[in-house]
Amino acid sequence: FQKVGFDRSMLRPHWASQIYGTAFPSASNIVFSNGFLDPWSGGGWSLKPKVEGSLVSIILKQGAHHYDLRGAHPDDTEEVKEVRRQEKTHIKKWIEKARLSRSHRI
């Protein structure tokens, strides 16, 4: 880091949330999964597990970018298996809600 002319004062771990904010009033049905092994995890929507409406923050303490989105592997951690279960639960709930909403309109 210092070899290329950078120093600690140039680090901006919260840049994304400071520039773009953390409120998404028109967003819905999103799982934000953050892996703490990612160097950019500080820019995530929430660095704690959280649900606001249909916005969901899930944290992988021992994971990194897209780990939860990769195909299952025998060496997967129990943590990522649980995160995948949580993601599926939320997505199934959203699909069922949309299905019920459509059936009431018909």
Protein backbone atom coordinates (compact mmCIF):
# COMPACT_ATOMS: atom_id res chain seq x y z
CA PHE A 1 0.00 0.00 0.00
CA GLN A 2 2.67 2.48 1.01
CA LYS A 3 4.99 1.26 -1.75
CA VAL A 4 2.64 2.77 -4.35
CA GLY A 5 2.33 6.12 -2.58
CA PHE A 6 -0.72 5.64 -0.36
CA ASP A 7 -0.96 6.08 3.39
CA ARG A 8 -3.63 5.38 6.01
CA SER A 9 -5.06 8.90 5.80
CA MET A 10 -6.21 8.10 2.26
CA LEU A 11 -8.36 5.13 3.33
CA ARG A 12 -12.09 5.79 3.05
CA PRO A 13 -13.85 2.62 4.23
CA HIS A 14 -17.27 4.30 4.47
CA TRP A 15 -17.04 6.21 1.19
CA ALA A 16 -19.95 4.45 -0.55
CA SER A 17 -22.44 4.95 2.28
CA GLN A 18 -21.35 8.56 2.75
CA ILE A 19 -21.72 9.36 -0.96
CA TYR A 20 -24.81 7.30 -1.78
CA GLY A 21 -26.43 7.01 1.64
CA THR A 22 -28.02 3.98 3.24
CA ALA A 23 -31.70 4.74 2.68
CA PHE A 24 -33.37 3.10 -0.30
CA PRO A 25 -37.04 4.17 -0.11
CA SER A 26 -38.03 2.69 -3.47
CA ALA A 27 -36.01 -0.53 -3.19
CA SER A 28 -37.64 -3.84 -2.40
CA ASN A 29 -36.88 -7.55 -2.24
CA ILE A 30 -33.10 -7.29 -1.96
CA VAL A 31 -30.70 -9.42 0.06
CA PHE A 32 -27.48 -7.56 0.73
CA SER A 33 -24.94 -10.20 1.71
CA ASN A 34 -21.62 -8.89 2.96
CA GLY A 35 -18.54 -10.98 3.58
CA PHE A 36 -16.18 -9.57 6.17
CA LEU A 37 -13.25 -11.07 4.26
CA ASP A 38 -13.95 -8.56 1.48
CA PRO A 39 -11.78 -5.45 1.66
CA TRP A 40 -14.80 -3.41 0.50
CA SER A 41 -17.28 -4.82 3.03
CA GLY A 42 -17.28 -1.45 4.80
CA GLY A 43 -19.34 -0.06 1.92
CA GLY A 44 -22.21 -2.46 2.49
CA TRP A 45 -25.79 -1.38 3.24
CA SER A 46 -25.61 -2.61 6.81
CA LEU A 47 -22.69 -4.23 8.53
CA LYS A 48 -25.05 -5.93 10.97
CA PRO A 49 -27.82 -8.43 10.26
CA LYS A 50 -30.93 -6.35 9.64
CA VAL A 51 -34.33 -6.47 7.97
CA GLU A 52 -36.16 -3.30 6.92
CA GLY A 53 -39.33 -4.12 5.04
CA SER A 54 -38.12 -6.44 2.29
CA LEU A 55 -34.50 -5.27 2.44
CA VAL A 56 -32.32 -7.83 4.18
CA SER A 57 -28.72 -7.61 5.36
CA ILE A 58 -26.94 -10.90 5.99
CA ILE A 59 -23.34 -11.03 7.18
CA LEU A 60 -20.81 -13.74 6.36
CA LYS A 61 -18.13 -13.30 9.00
CA GLN A 62 -16.00 -15.97 7.33
CA GLY A 63 -16.98 -15.25 3.75
CA ALA A 64 -16.08 -13.07 0.83
CA HIS A 65 -17.54 -11.71 -2.37
CA HIS A 66 -20.19 -14.01 -3.91
CA TYR A 67 -19.35 -16.95 -1.65
CA ASP A 68 -23.05 -17.44 -0.89
CA LEU A 69 -23.95 -17.27 -4.60
CA ARG A 70 -21.57 -20.00 -5.72
CA GLY A 71 -22.75 -23.56 -6.16
CA ALA A 72 -22.70 -25.85 -3.16
CA HIS A 73 -19.38 -27.52 -2.42
CA PRO A 74 -18.48 -30.23 0.12
CA ASP A 75 -16.04 -27.81 1.79
CA ASP A 76 -18.64 -25.06 2.33
CA THR A 77 -18.76 -23.72 5.86
CA GLU A 78 -21.85 -24.16 8.02
CA GLU A 79 -22.12 -20.38 8.03
CA VAL A 80 -22.54 -20.10 4.26
CA LYS A 81 -25.01 -22.99 4.25
CA GLU A 82 -27.11 -21.13 6.83
CA VAL A 83 -26.86 -17.87 4.85
CA ARG A 84 -28.13 -19.66 1.74
CA ARG A 85 -31.07 -21.05 3.75
CA GLN A 86 -31.90 -17.55 4.98
CA GLU A 87 -31.72 -16.13 1.45
CA LYS A 88 -34.03 -18.86 0.14
CA THR A 89 -36.50 -18.23 2.95
CA HIS A 90 -36.71 -14.51 2.13
CA ILE A 91 -37.00 -15.10 -1.62
CA LYS A 92 -39.73 -17.72 -1.17
CA LYS A 93 -41.64 -15.28 1.05
CA TRP A 94 -41.42 -12.55 -1.61
CA ILE A 95 -42.58 -14.91 -4.36
CA GLU A 96 -45.53 -16.10 -2.27
CA LYS A 97 -46.51 -12.51 -1.46
CA ALA A 98 -46.42 -11.62 -5.18
CA ARG A 99 -48.41 -14.75 -6.04
CA LEU A 100 -51.09 -13.89 -3.47
CA SER A 101 -51.21 -10.29 -4.67
CA ARG A 102 -51.82 -11.44 -8.25
CA SER A 103 -54.51 -13.94 -7.28
CA HIS A 104 -56.46 -11.18 -5.48
CA ARG A 105 -56.42 -9.01 -8.62
CA ILE A 106 -57.89 -11.69 -10.86
